[in-house]
Structures are given as structure tokens and as C-alpha cells.
Amino acid sequence: MSDNEIFIWLQHSRQDLQDFIDQSSKQLVEDNIDMAHYFKHFQTLSDPLVSYGYVSEKECNKLFFQGFHPDTCRSLHQHIINMRHKLQPGANFDFRDLFDIAHTFFRHIQLAVEAKAT
């Protein structure tokens, strides 16, 4: 691949990532399965962009959080504060750390729903 072809491919990949983020931000993350699918798809789209330096780590982290529905963002932000983590969504955090926190958050919700049902 020539440099120009790589550049065009990276531009398309960036647009694919942005389209995915825009689509995802309209849907609530309801459980760990949704969270895992979001994480895997985001990582698949973003890894080449970061590897080629087309997207910085910091920008990637911000984009990860932008892919959440506003209600999910508020819930996660409150959970992060309650856990006393020093992570500020959209600031200096690694999106993998936020995934771990979100995964735990949705697992607690799932356990609470199951406990309530029994």
C-alpha cells in the first residue's frame, strides 16, 4: 500500500469509527453483553487508527466515552464518583479502564435485578 492509500484507508476507518460512535450514542447500554459488544467493536475500529498515529490515545479515550447514550454516561459518571476513582470521563483515562468500571457497574445492576426477582 502506498502512503496515499494508507491515508485514504485511515480516513475511511476514522469515519467508520465516528459512525459507530454516533449510532451507539443513541442506544442505552443495558447489560454486560451490550458493554462487551461495544468495547470489542470500538477496539476493533480504533486500534489501527491509534497504531498508525492517526488518532491519539487521549482522543481515542474521549471517543470511547462519546459512544455512550447520555443516560448511560450520567449513570457511569455517578458510579465512577461513587467508586472514588479519579477518572473523569473525557479526560485522561484509558478506555480499557472505563470498560472495566462499566462492566462492573452493569454486573452489579444485573445481580440486583436477579436478587429482586427471587
PDB file of N, CA and C in Angstrom:
ATOM      1  N   MET A   1       0.830  -1.187   0.000  1.00  0.00           N
ATOM      2  CA  MET A   1       0.000   0.000   0.000  1.00  0.00           C
ATOM      3  C   MET A   1       0.876   1.253   0.000  1.00  0.00           C
ATOM      4  N   SER A   2       0.521   2.190  -0.796  1.00  0.00           N
ATOM      5  CA  SER A   2       1.268   3.445  -0.829  1.00  0.00           C
ATOM      6  C   SER A   2       0.843   4.312   0.358  1.00  0.00           C
ATOM      7  N   ASP A   3       1.612   5.336   0.625  1.00  0.00           N
ATOM      8  CA  ASP A   3       1.273   6.259   1.711  1.00  0.00           C
ATOM      9  C   ASP A   3      -0.097   6.892   1.482  1.00  0.00           C
ATOM     10  N   ASN A   4      -0.382   7.226   0.235  1.00  0.00           N
ATOM     11  CA  ASN A   4      -1.672   7.837  -0.088  1.00  0.00           C
ATOM     12  C   ASN A   4      -2.817   6.855   0.161  1.00  0.00           C
ATOM     13  N   GLU A   5      -2.631   5.596  -0.202  1.00  0.00           N
ATOM     14  CA  GLU A   5      -3.664   4.579   0.028  1.00  0.00           C
ATOM     15  C   GLU A   5      -3.886   4.358   1.527  1.00  0.00           C
ATOM     16  N   ILE A   6      -2.809   4.357   2.279  1.00  0.00           N
ATOM     17  CA  ILE A   6      -2.924   4.210   3.737  1.00  0.00           C
ATOM     18  C   ILE A   6      -3.680   5.394   4.321  1.00  0.00           C
ATOM     19  N   PHE A   7      -3.363   6.581   3.863  1.00  0.00           N
ATOM     20  CA  PHE A   7      -4.045   7.783   4.346  1.00  0.00           C
ATOM     21  C   PHE A   7      -5.545   7.713   4.051  1.00  0.00           C
ATOM     22  N   ILE A   8      -5.898   7.313   2.840  1.00  0.00           N
ATOM     23  CA  ILE A   8      -7.314   7.197   2.470  1.00  0.00           C
ATOM     24  C   ILE A   8      -7.992   6.125   3.313  1.00  0.00           C
ATOM     25  N   TRP A   9      -7.313   4.996   3.511  1.00  0.00           N
ATOM     26  CA  TRP A   9      -7.858   3.919   4.345  1.00  0.00           C
ATOM     27  C   TRP A   9      -8.072   4.409   5.784  1.00  0.00           C
ATOM     28  N   LEU A  10      -7.117   5.174   6.315  1.00  0.00           N
ATOM     29  CA  LEU A  10      -7.255   5.701   7.672  1.00  0.00           C
ATOM     30  C   LEU A  10      -8.415   6.694   7.768  1.00  0.00           C
ATOM     31  N   GLN A  11      -8.603   7.509   6.728  1.00  0.00           N
ATOM     32  CA  GLN A  11      -9.734   8.439   6.722  1.00  0.00           C
ATOM     33  C   GLN A  11     -11.063   7.679   6.750  1.00  0.00           C
ATOM     34  N   HIS A  12     -11.163   6.635   5.956  1.00  0.00           N
ATOM     35  CA  HIS A  12     -12.385   5.823   5.945  1.00  0.00           C
ATOM     36  C   HIS A  12     -12.581   5.108   7.284  1.00  0.00           C
ATOM     37  N   SER A  13     -11.480   4.623   7.833  1.00  0.00           N
ATOM     38  CA  SER A  13     -11.561   3.941   9.130  1.00  0.00           C
ATOM     39  C   SER A  13     -12.010   4.903  10.220  1.00  0.00           C
ATOM     40  N   ARG A  14     -11.521   6.130  10.165  1.00  0.00           N
ATOM     41  CA  ARG A  14     -11.921   7.147  11.139  1.00  0.00           C
ATOM     42  C   ARG A  14     -13.410   7.457  10.992  1.00  0.00           C
ATOM     43  N   GLN A  15     -13.881   7.533   9.761  1.00  0.00           N
ATOM     44  CA  GLN A  15     -15.304   7.787   9.531  1.00  0.00           C
ATOM     45  C   GLN A  15     -16.143   6.609  10.017  1.00  0.00           C
ATOM     46  N   ASP A  16     -15.667   5.383   9.814  1.00  0.00           N
ATOM     47  CA  ASP A  16     -16.370   4.198  10.327  1.00  0.00           C
ATOM     48  C   ASP A  16     -16.474   4.255  11.851  1.00  0.00           C
ATOM     49  N   LEU A  17     -15.384   4.658  12.503  1.00  0.00           N
ATOM     50  CA  LEU A  17     -15.391   4.784  13.955  1.00  0.00           C
ATOM     51  C   LEU A  17     -16.378   5.856  14.392  1.00  0.00           C
ATOM     52  N   GLN A  18     -16.364   6.995  13.730  1.00  0.00           N
ATOM     53  CA  GLN A  18     -17.282   8.081  14.085  1.00  0.00           C
ATOM     54  C   GLN A  18     -18.737   7.662  13.867  1.00  0.00           C
ATOM     55  N   ASP A  19     -19.005   6.961  12.774  1.00  0.00           N
ATOM     56  CA  ASP A  19     -20.366   6.471  12.517  1.00  0.00           C
ATOM     57  C   ASP A  19     -20.807   5.498  13.609  1.00  0.00           C
ATOM     58  N   PHE A  20     -19.901   4.628  14.013  1.00  0.00           N
ATOM     59  CA  PHE A  20     -20.213   3.674  15.084  1.00  0.00           C
ATOM     60  C   PHE A  20     -20.510   4.410  16.390  1.00  0.00           C
ATOM     61  N   ILE A  21     -19.706   5.410  16.716  1.00  0.00           N
ATOM     62  CA  ILE A  21     -19.908   6.194  17.937  1.00  0.00           C
ATOM     63  C   ILE A  21     -21.258   6.908  17.886  1.00  0.00           C
ATOM     64  N   ASP A  22     -21.560   7.525  16.743  1.00  0.00           N
ATOM     65  CA  ASP A  22     -22.838   8.228  16.596  1.00  0.00           C
ATOM     66  C   ASP A  22     -24.022   7.270  16.767  1.00  0.00           C
ATOM     67  N   GLN A  23     -23.928   6.108  16.168  1.00  0.00           N
ATOM     68  CA  GLN A  23     -25.004   5.115  16.278  1.00  0.00           C
ATOM     69  C   GLN A  23     -25.121   4.597  17.713  1.00  0.00           C
ATOM     70  N   SER A  24     -24.011   4.285  18.328  1.00  0.00           N
ATOM     71  CA  SER A  24     -24.009   3.734  19.686  1.00  0.00           C
ATOM     72  C   SER A  24     -24.547   4.724  20.708  1.00  0.00           C
ATOM     73  N   SER A  25     -24.278   5.997  20.494  1.00  0.00           N
ATOM     74  CA  SER A  25     -24.692   7.005  21.480  1.00  0.00           C
ATOM     75  C   SER A  25     -26.208   7.176  21.535  1.00  0.00           C
ATOM     76  N   LYS A  26     -26.909   6.571  20.606  1.00  0.00           N
ATOM     77  CA  LYS A  26     -28.374   6.659  20.583  1.00  0.00           C
ATOM     78  C   LYS A  26     -29.033   5.475  21.280  1.00  0.00           C
ATOM     79  N   GLN A  27     -28.228   4.511  21.735  1.00  0.00           N
ATOM     80  CA  GLN A  27     -28.758   3.308  22.344  1.00  0.00           C
ATOM     81  C   GLN A  27     -28.219   3.164  23.764  1.00  0.00           C
ATOM     82  N   LEU A  28     -29.101   2.787  24.675  1.00  0.00           N
ATOM     83  CA  LEU A  28     -28.680   2.537  26.049  1.00  0.00           C
ATOM     84  C   LEU A  28     -27.884   1.239  26.118  1.00  0.00           C
ATOM     85  N   VAL A  29     -26.848   1.238  26.932  1.00  0.00           N
ATOM     86  CA  VAL A  29     -26.155   0.001  27.265  1.00  0.00           C
ATOM     87  C   VAL A  29     -26.935  -0.586  28.435  1.00  0.00           C
ATOM     88  N   GLU A  30     -27.482  -1.769  28.235  1.00  0.00           N
ATOM     89  CA  GLU A  30     -28.372  -2.327  29.247  1.00  0.00           C
ATOM     90  C   GLU A  30     -27.755  -3.424  30.086  1.00  0.00           C
ATOM     91  N   ASP A  31     -26.673  -4.024  29.609  1.00  0.00           N
ATOM     92  CA  ASP A  31     -26.079  -5.112  30.382  1.00  0.00           C
ATOM     93  C   ASP A  31     -24.632  -5.336  29.943  1.00  0.00           C
ATOM     94  N   ASN A  32     -24.015  -6.342  30.560  1.00  0.00           N
ATOM     95  CA  ASN A  32     -22.612  -6.634  30.256  1.00  0.00           C
ATOM     96  C   ASN A  32     -22.413  -7.089  28.818  1.00  0.00           C
ATOM     97  N   ILE A  33     -23.410  -7.746  28.269  1.00  0.00           N
ATOM     98  CA  ILE A  33     -23.295  -8.205  26.885  1.00  0.00           C
ATOM     99  C   ILE A  33     -23.221  -7.000  25.951  1.00  0.00           C
ATOM    100  N   ASP A  34     -24.121  -6.017  26.151  1.00  0.00           N
ATOM    101  CA  ASP A  34     -24.062  -4.784  25.356  1.00  0.00           C
ATOM    102  C   ASP A  34     -22.708  -4.099  25.521  1.00  0.00           C
ATOM    103  N   MET A  35     -22.232  -4.046  26.757  1.00  0.00           N
ATOM    104  CA  MET A  35     -20.962  -3.380  27.044  1.00  0.00           C
ATOM    105  C   MET A  35     -19.810  -4.095  26.345  1.00  0.00           C
ATOM    106  N   ALA A  36     -19.806  -5.416  26.406  1.00  0.00           N
ATOM    107  CA  ALA A  36     -18.736  -6.191  25.771  1.00  0.00           C
ATOM    108  C   ALA A  36     -18.757  -6.022  24.251  1.00  0.00           C
ATOM    109  N   HIS A  37     -19.953  -6.006  23.660  1.00  0.00           N
ATOM    110  CA  HIS A  37     -20.057  -5.802  22.210  1.00  0.00           C
ATOM    111  C   HIS A  37     -19.548  -4.414  21.832  1.00  0.00           C
ATOM    112  N   TYR A  38     -19.948  -3.413  22.593  1.00  0.00           N
ATOM    113  CA  TYR A  38     -19.499  -2.050  22.318  1.00  0.00           C
ATOM    114  C   TYR A  38     -17.974  -1.972  22.402  1.00  0.00           C
ATOM    115  N   PHE A  39     -17.419  -2.505  23.486  1.00  0.00           N
ATOM    116  CA  PHE A  39     -15.975  -2.449  23.698  1.00  0.00           C
ATOM    117  C   PHE A  39     -15.230  -3.137  22.562  1.00  0.00           C
ATOM    118  N   LYS A  40     -15.662  -4.349  22.205  1.00  0.00           N
ATOM    119  CA  LYS A  40     -14.971  -5.111  21.171  1.00  0.00           C
ATOM    120  C   LYS A  40     -15.018  -4.382  19.828  1.00  0.00           C
ATOM    121  N   HIS A  41     -16.181  -3.876  19.461  1.00  0.00           N
ATOM    122  CA  HIS A  41     -16.316  -3.185  18.178  1.00  0.00           C
ATOM    123  C   HIS A  41     -15.499  -1.881  18.179  1.00  0.00           C
ATOM    124  N   PHE A  42     -15.565  -1.132  19.278  1.00  0.00           N
ATOM    125  CA  PHE A  42     -14.788   0.103  19.379  1.00  0.00           C
ATOM    126  C   PHE A  42     -13.301  -0.192  19.245  1.00  0.00           C
ATOM    127  N   GLN A  43     -12.851  -1.200  19.964  1.00  0.00           N
ATOM    128  CA  GLN A  43     -11.425  -1.525  19.936  1.00  0.00           C
ATOM    129  C   GLN A  43     -10.990  -1.976  18.543  1.00  0.00           C
ATOM    130  N   THR A  44     -11.822  -2.764  17.868  1.00  0.00           N
ATOM    131  CA  THR A  44     -11.504  -3.214  16.517  1.00  0.00           C
ATOM    132  C   THR A  44     -11.344  -2.033  15.565  1.00  0.00           C
ATOM    133  N   LEU A  45     -12.233  -1.041  15.692  1.00  0.00           N
ATOM    134  CA  LEU A  45     -12.171   0.120  14.810  1.00  0.00           C
ATOM    135  C   LEU A  45     -11.053   1.094  15.181  1.00  0.00           C
ATOM    136  N   SER A  46     -10.788   1.242  16.473  1.00  0.00           N
ATOM    137  CA  SER A  46      -9.841   2.269  16.917  1.00  0.00           C
ATOM    138  C   SER A  46      -8.381   1.816  16.924  1.00  0.00           C
ATOM    139  N   ASP A  47      -8.118   0.543  17.146  1.00  0.00           N
ATOM    140  CA  ASP A  47      -6.729   0.082  17.261  1.00  0.00           C
ATOM    141  C   ASP A  47      -5.853   0.460  16.064  1.00  0.00           C
ATOM    142  N   PRO A  48      -6.310   0.222  14.821  1.00  0.00           N
ATOM    143  CA  PRO A  48      -5.444   0.613  13.699  1.00  0.00           C
ATOM    144  C   PRO A  48      -5.207   2.121  13.637  1.00  0.00           C
ATOM    145  N   LEU A  49      -6.216   2.897  13.994  1.00  0.00           N
ATOM    146  CA  LEU A  49      -6.079   4.356  13.959  1.00  0.00           C
ATOM    147  C   LEU A  49      -5.037   4.833  14.963  1.00  0.00           C
ATOM    148  N   VAL A  50      -5.033   4.225  16.139  1.00  0.00           N
ATOM    149  CA  VAL A  50      -4.046   4.586  17.169  1.00  0.00           C
ATOM    150  C   VAL A  50      -2.670   4.069  16.762  1.00  0.00           C
ATOM    151  N   SER A  51      -2.616   2.852  16.234  1.00  0.00           N
ATOM    152  CA  SER A  51      -1.331   2.263  15.826  1.00  0.00           C
ATOM    153  C   SER A  51      -0.617   3.105  14.771  1.00  0.00           C
ATOM    154  N   TYR A  52      -1.381   3.643  13.841  1.00  0.00           N
ATOM    155  CA  TYR A  52      -0.802   4.484  12.795  1.00  0.00           C
ATOM    156  C   TYR A  52      -0.634   5.936  13.231  1.00  0.00           C
ATOM    157  N   GLY A  53      -1.037   6.264  14.433  1.00  0.00           N
ATOM    158  CA  GLY A  53      -0.898   7.630  14.929  1.00  0.00           C
ATOM    159  C   GLY A  53      -1.904   8.597  14.333  1.00  0.00           C
ATOM    160  N   TYR A  54      -2.956   8.064  13.721  1.00  0.00           N
ATOM    161  CA  TYR A  54      -3.977   8.915  13.107  1.00  0.00           C
ATOM    162  C   TYR A  54      -4.929   9.455  14.160  1.00  0.00           C
ATOM    163  N   VAL A  55      -5.046   8.745  15.276  1.00  0.00           N
ATOM    164  CA  VAL A  55      -5.838   9.164  16.432  1.00  0.00           C
ATOM    165  C   VAL A  55      -4.942   8.982  17.650  1.00  0.00           C
ATOM    166  N   SER A  56      -4.871   9.991  18.505  1.00  0.00           N
ATOM    167  CA  SER A  56      -4.042   9.876  19.709  1.00  0.00           C
ATOM    168  C   SER A  56      -4.758   9.019  20.754  1.00  0.00           C
ATOM    169  N   GLU A  57      -3.997   8.531  21.708  1.00  0.00           N
ATOM    170  CA  GLU A  57      -4.592   7.755  22.818  1.00  0.00           C
ATOM    171  C   GLU A  57      -5.641   8.592  23.547  1.00  0.00           C
ATOM    172  N   LYS A  58      -5.321   9.851  23.806  1.00  0.00           N
ATOM    173  CA  LYS A  58      -6.241  10.727  24.529  1.00  0.00           C
ATOM    174  C   LYS A  58      -7.537  10.916  23.737  1.00  0.00           C
ATOM    175  N   GLU A  59      -7.418  11.147  22.435  1.00  0.00           N
ATOM    176  CA  GLU A  59      -8.614  11.310  21.612  1.00  0.00           C
ATOM    177  C   GLU A  59      -9.419  10.014  21.565  1.00  0.00           C
ATOM    178  N   CYS A  60      -8.743   8.896  21.504  1.00  0.00           N
ATOM    179  CA  CYS A  60      -9.409   7.598  21.498  1.00  0.00           C
ATOM    180  C   CYS A  60     -10.221   7.413  22.780  1.00  0.00           C
ATOM    181  N   ASN A  61      -9.647   7.784  23.900  1.00  0.00           N
ATOM    182  CA  ASN A  61     -10.349   7.672  25.173  1.00  0.00           C
ATOM    183  C   ASN A  61     -11.598   8.548  25.208  1.00  0.00           C
ATOM    184  N   LYS A  62     -11.501   9.752  24.685  1.00  0.00           N
ATOM    185  CA  LYS A  62     -12.662  10.641  24.625  1.00  0.00           C
ATOM    186  C   LYS A  62     -13.728  10.066  23.704  1.00  0.00           C
ATOM    187  N   LEU A  63     -13.316   9.544  22.571  1.00  0.00           N
ATOM    188  CA  LEU A  63     -14.261   8.966  21.620  1.00  0.00           C
ATOM    189  C   LEU A  63     -15.000   7.774  22.225  1.00  0.00           C
ATOM    190  N   PHE A  64     -14.286   6.981  23.013  1.00  0.00           N
ATOM    191  CA  PHE A  64     -14.913   5.820  23.656  1.00  0.00           C
ATOM    192  C   PHE A  64     -16.095   6.259  24.515  1.00  0.00           C
ATOM    193  N   PHE A  65     -15.902   7.284  25.310  1.00  0.00           N
ATOM    194  CA  PHE A  65     -16.969   7.758  26.193  1.00  0.00           C
ATOM    195  C   PHE A  65     -18.102   8.399  25.397  1.00  0.00           C
ATOM    196  N   GLN A  66     -17.793   9.030  24.268  1.00  0.00           N
ATOM    197  CA  GLN A  66     -18.819   9.667  23.443  1.00  0.00           C
ATOM    198  C   GLN A  66     -19.778   8.656  22.835  1.00  0.00           C
ATOM    199  N   GLY A  67     -19.366   7.406  22.764  1.00  0.00           N
ATOM    200  CA  GLY A  67     -20.212   6.370  22.181  1.00  0.00           C
ATOM    201  C   GLY A  67     -21.328   5.891  23.082  1.00  0.00           C
ATOM    202  N   PHE A  68     -21.395   6.426  24.292  1.00  0.00           N
ATOM    203  CA  PHE A  68     -22.461   6.027  25.217  1.00  0.00           C
ATOM    204  C   PHE A  68     -23.641   6.978  25.130  1.00  0.00           C
ATOM    205  N   HIS A  69     -24.821   6.433  25.302  1.00  0.00           N
ATOM    206  CA  HIS A  69     -26.049   7.229  25.396  1.00  0.00           C
ATOM    207  C   HIS A  69     -25.884   8.193  26.573  1.00  0.00           C
ATOM    208  N   PRO A  70     -26.429   9.410  26.490  1.00  0.00           N
ATOM    209  CA  PRO A  70     -26.285  10.372  27.596  1.00  0.00           C
ATOM    210  C   PRO A  70     -26.736   9.826  28.955  1.00  0.00           C
ATOM    211  N   ASP A  71     -27.797   9.026  28.981  1.00  0.00           N
ATOM    212  CA  ASP A  71     -28.249   8.437  30.255  1.00  0.00           C
ATOM    213  C   ASP A  71     -27.216   7.457  30.797  1.00  0.00           C
ATOM    214  N   THR A  72     -26.613   6.684  29.916  1.00  0.00           N
ATOM    215  CA  THR A  72     -25.563   5.755  30.344  1.00  0.00           C
ATOM    216  C   THR A  72     -24.367   6.540  30.863  1.00  0.00           C
ATOM    217  N   CYS A  73     -24.021   7.631  30.186  1.00  0.00           N
ATOM    218  CA  CYS A  73     -22.900   8.478  30.636  1.00  0.00           C
ATOM    219  C   CYS A  73     -23.137   8.994  32.045  1.00  0.00           C
ATOM    220  N   ARG A  74     -24.347   9.479  32.299  1.00  0.00           N
ATOM    221  CA  ARG A  74     -24.651  10.002  33.637  1.00  0.00           C
ATOM    222  C   ARG A  74     -24.545   8.906  34.688  1.00  0.00           C
ATOM    223  N   SER A  75     -25.084   7.745  34.394  1.00  0.00           N
ATOM    224  CA  SER A  75     -25.019   6.631  35.346  1.00  0.00           C
ATOM    225  C   SER A  75     -23.587   6.210  35.606  1.00  0.00           C
ATOM    226  N   LEU A  76     -22.816   6.087  34.538  1.00  0.00           N
ATOM    227  CA  LEU A  76     -21.411   5.697  34.698  1.00  0.00           C
ATOM    228  C   LEU A  76     -20.620   6.754  35.450  1.00  0.00           C
ATOM    229  N   HIS A  77     -20.860   8.006  35.138  1.00  0.00           N
ATOM    230  CA  HIS A  77     -20.149   9.082  35.818  1.00  0.00           C
ATOM    231  C   HIS A  77     -20.433   9.034  37.314  1.00  0.00           C
ATOM    232  N   GLN A  78     -21.692   8.834  37.678  1.00  0.00           N
ATOM    233  CA  GLN A  78     -22.053   8.742  39.091  1.00  0.00           C
ATOM    234  C   GLN A  78     -21.381   7.524  39.732  1.00  0.00           C
ATOM    235  N   HIS A  79     -21.345   6.427  39.023  1.00  0.00           N
ATOM    236  CA  HIS A  79     -20.700   5.210  39.531  1.00  0.00           C
ATOM    237  C   HIS A  79     -19.204   5.441  39.736  1.00  0.00           C
ATOM    238  N   ILE A  80     -18.586   6.136  38.796  1.00  0.00           N
ATOM    239  CA  ILE A  80     -17.159   6.429  38.922  1.00  0.00           C
ATOM    240  C   ILE A  80     -16.908   7.287  40.159  1.00  0.00           C
ATOM    241  N   ILE A  81     -17.748   8.292  40.352  1.00  0.00           N
ATOM    242  CA  ILE A  81     -17.607   9.150  41.543  1.00  0.00           C
ATOM    243  C   ILE A  81     -17.817   8.326  42.813  1.00  0.00           C
ATOM    244  N   ASN A  82     -18.838   7.478  42.814  1.00  0.00           N
ATOM    245  CA  ASN A  82     -19.121   6.651  43.990  1.00  0.00           C
ATOM    246  C   ASN A  82     -17.982   5.689  44.295  1.00  0.00           C
ATOM    247  N   MET A  83     -17.310   5.232  43.275  1.00  0.00           N
ATOM    248  CA  MET A  83     -16.181   4.322  43.488  1.00  0.00           C
ATOM    249  C   MET A  83     -14.916   5.080  43.879  1.00  0.00           C
ATOM    250  N   ARG A  84     -15.023   6.411  43.885  1.00  0.00           N
ATOM    251  CA  ARG A  84     -13.915   7.287  44.244  1.00  0.00           C
ATOM    252  C   ARG A  84     -12.709   7.137  43.322  1.00  0.00           C
ATOM    253  N   HIS A  85     -12.983   6.778  42.082  1.00  0.00           N
ATOM    254  CA  HIS A  85     -11.908   6.734  41.092  1.00  0.00           C
ATOM    255  C   HIS A  85     -11.599   8.159  40.667  1.00  0.00           C
ATOM    256  N   LYS A  86     -10.409   8.380  40.292  1.00  0.00           N
ATOM    257  CA  LYS A  86     -10.014   9.708  39.843  1.00  0.00           C
ATOM    258  C   LYS A  86     -10.137   9.830  38.324  1.00  0.00           C
ATOM    259  N   LEU A  87     -11.008   9.031  37.762  1.00  0.00           N
ATOM    260  CA  LEU A  87     -11.225   9.081  36.322  1.00  0.00           C
ATOM    261  C   LEU A  87     -12.298  10.102  36.009  1.00  0.00           C
ATOM    262  N   GLN A  88     -12.019  10.971  35.119  1.00  0.00           N
ATOM    263  CA  GLN A  88     -13.000  11.948  34.652  1.00  0.00           C
ATOM    264  C   GLN A  88     -13.317  11.621  33.202  1.00  0.00           C
ATOM    265  N   PRO A  89     -14.551  11.255  32.903  1.00  0.00           N
ATOM    266  CA  PRO A  89     -14.890  10.923  31.523  1.00  0.00           C
ATOM    267  C   PRO A  89     -14.479  12.041  30.568  1.00  0.00           C
ATOM    268  N   GLY A  90     -13.824  11.634  29.504  1.00  0.00           N
ATOM    269  CA  GLY A  90     -13.379  12.597  28.512  1.00  0.00           C
ATOM    270  C   GLY A  90     -12.030  13.216  28.839  1.00  0.00           C
ATOM    271  N   ALA A  91     -11.485  12.882  29.995  1.00  0.00           N
ATOM    272  CA  ALA A  91     -10.189  13.440  30.372  1.00  0.00           C
ATOM    273  C   ALA A  91      -9.113  12.366  30.181  1.00  0.00           C
ATOM    274  N   ASN A  92      -8.134  12.365  31.041  1.00  0.00           N
ATOM    275  CA  ASN A  92      -7.045  11.413  30.923  1.00  0.00           C
ATOM    276  C   ASN A  92      -7.399  10.101  31.602  1.00  0.00           C
ATOM    277  N   PHE A  93      -7.991   9.205  30.860  1.00  0.00           N
ATOM    278  CA  PHE A  93      -8.235   7.862  31.327  1.00  0.00           C
ATOM    279  C   PHE A  93      -8.040   6.944  30.140  1.00  0.00           C
ATOM    280  N   ASP A  94      -7.769   5.712  30.430  1.00  0.00           N
ATOM    281  CA  ASP A  94      -7.643   4.724  29.375  1.00  0.00           C
ATOM    282  C   ASP A  94      -9.007   4.085  29.187  1.00  0.00           C
ATOM    283  N   PHE A  95      -9.481   4.009  27.951  1.00  0.00           N
ATOM    284  CA  PHE A  95     -10.819   3.479  27.730  1.00  0.00           C
ATOM    285  C   PHE A  95     -10.942   2.041  28.227  1.00  0.00           C
ATOM    286  N   ARG A  96      -9.833   1.332  28.338  1.00  0.00           N
ATOM    287  CA  ARG A  96      -9.877  -0.031  28.885  1.00  0.00           C
ATOM    288  C   ARG A  96     -10.227   0.005  30.375  1.00  0.00           C
ATOM    289  N   ASP A  97      -9.749   1.030  31.088  1.00  0.00           N
ATOM    290  CA  ASP A  97     -10.112   1.193  32.499  1.00  0.00           C
ATOM    291  C   ASP A  97     -11.594   1.487  32.641  1.00  0.00           C
ATOM    292  N   LEU A  98     -12.109   2.355  31.775  1.00  0.00           N
ATOM    293  CA  LEU A  98     -13.536   2.668  31.823  1.00  0.00           C
ATOM    294  C   LEU A  98     -14.363   1.438  31.497  1.00  0.00           C
ATOM    295  N   PHE A  99     -13.889   0.610  30.568  1.00  0.00           N
ATOM    296  CA  PHE A  99     -14.601  -0.632  30.272  1.00  0.00           C
ATOM    297  C   PHE A  99     -14.694  -1.495  31.516  1.00  0.00           C
ATOM    298  N   ASP A 100     -13.596  -1.641  32.245  1.00  0.00           N
ATOM    299  CA  ASP A 100     -13.614  -2.450  33.467  1.00  0.00           C
ATOM    300  C   ASP A 100     -14.617  -1.904  34.476  1.00  0.00           C
ATOM    301  N   ILE A 101     -14.645  -0.594  34.641  1.00  0.00           N
ATOM    302  CA  ILE A 101     -15.588   0.032  35.572  1.00  0.00           C
ATOM    303  C   ILE A 101     -17.020  -0.168  35.098  1.00  0.00           C
ATOM    304  N   ALA A 102     -17.256   0.050  33.814  1.00  0.00           N
ATOM    305  CA  ALA A 102     -18.606  -0.102  33.266  1.00  0.00           C
ATOM    306  C   ALA A 102     -19.062  -1.548  33.358  1.00  0.00           C
ATOM    307  N   HIS A 103     -18.170  -2.466  33.089  1.00  0.00           N
ATOM    308  CA  HIS A 103     -18.511  -3.881  33.167  1.00  0.00           C
ATOM    309  C   HIS A 103     -18.951  -4.234  34.586  1.00  0.00           C
ATOM    310  N   THR A 104     -18.216  -3.760  35.580  1.00  0.00           N
ATOM    311  CA  THR A 104     -18.572  -3.985  36.987  1.00  0.00           C
ATOM    312  C   THR A 104     -19.914  -3.333  37.308  1.00  0.00           C
ATOM    313  N   PHE A 105     -20.121  -2.135  36.824  1.00  0.00           N
ATOM    314  CA  PHE A 105     -21.366  -1.402  37.051  1.00  0.00           C
ATOM    315  C   PHE A 105     -22.567  -2.199  36.535  1.00  0.00           C
ATOM    316  N   PHE A 106     -22.484  -2.679  35.303  1.00  0.00           N
ATOM    317  CA  PHE A 106     -23.602  -3.414  34.734  1.00  0.00           C
ATOM    318  C   PHE A 106     -23.770  -4.785  35.387  1.00  0.00           C
ATOM    319  N   ARG A 107     -22.694  -5.362  35.855  1.00  0.00           N
ATOM    320  CA  ARG A 107     -22.798  -6.636  36.586  1.00  0.00           C
ATOM    321  C   ARG A 107     -23.551  -6.418  37.903  1.00  0.00           C
ATOM    322  N   HIS A 108     -23.276  -5.332  38.605  1.00  0.00           N
ATOM    323  CA  HIS A 108     -23.993  -5.033  39.849  1.00  0.00           C
ATOM    324  C   HIS A 108     -25.481  -4.824  39.585  1.00  0.00           C
ATOM    325  N   ILE A 109     -25.798  -4.143  38.512  1.00  0.00           N
ATOM    326  CA  ILE A 109     -27.204  -3.931  38.155  1.00  0.00           C
ATOM    327  C   ILE A 109     -27.874  -5.271  37.863  1.00  0.00           C
ATOM    328  N   GLN A 110     -27.194  -6.118  37.112  1.00  0.00           N
ATOM    329  CA  GLN A 110     -27.743  -7.426  36.768  1.00  0.00           C
ATOM    330  C   GLN A 110     -27.981  -8.261  38.028  1.00  0.00           C
ATOM    331  N   LEU A 111     -27.029  -8.256  38.951  1.00  0.00           N
ATOM    332  CA  LEU A 111     -27.187  -9.004  40.201  1.00  0.00           C
ATOM    333  C   LEU A 111     -28.336  -8.459  41.030  1.00  0.00           C
ATOM    334  N   ALA A 112     -28.497  -7.150  41.057  1.00  0.00           N
ATOM    335  CA  ALA A 112     -29.590  -6.547  41.812  1.00  0.00           C
ATOM    336  C   ALA A 112     -30.944  -6.943  41.216  1.00  0.00           C
ATOM    337  N   VAL A 113     -31.039  -6.949  39.920  1.00  0.00           N
ATOM    338  CA  VAL A 113     -32.295  -7.340  39.258  1.00  0.00           C
ATOM    339  C   VAL A 113     -32.595  -8.809  39.538  1.00  0.00           C
ATOM    340  N   GLU A 114     -31.574  -9.660  39.458  1.00  0.00           N
ATOM    341  CA  GLU A 114     -31.777 -11.070  39.733  1.00  0.00           C
ATOM    342  C   GLU A 114     -32.172 -11.304  41.183  1.00  0.00           C
ATOM    343  N   ALA A 115     -31.561 -10.581  42.117  1.00  0.00           N
ATOM    344  CA  ALA A 115     -31.897 -10.723  43.539  1.00  0.00           C
ATOM    345  C   ALA A 115     -33.326 -10.279  43.802  1.00  0.00           C
ATOM    346  N   LYS A 116     -33.719  -9.199  43.155  1.00  0.00           N
ATOM    347  CA  LYS A 116     -35.072  -8.686  43.324  1.00  0.00           C
ATOM    348  C   LYS A 116     -36.104  -9.673  42.783  1.00  0.00           C
ATOM    349  N   ALA A 117     -35.770 -10.373  41.726  1.00  0.00           N
ATOM    350  CA  ALA A 117     -36.687 -11.325  41.090  1.00  0.00           C
ATOM    351  C   ALA A 117     -36.879 -12.587  41.913  1.00  0.00           C
ATOM    352  N   THR A 118     -35.915 -12.906  42.791  1.00  0.00           N
ATOM    353  CA  THR A 118     -36.048 -14.160  43.570  1.00  0.00           C
ATOM    354  C   THR A 118     -36.666 -13.958  44.912  1.00  0.00           C
TER     355      THR A 118
END
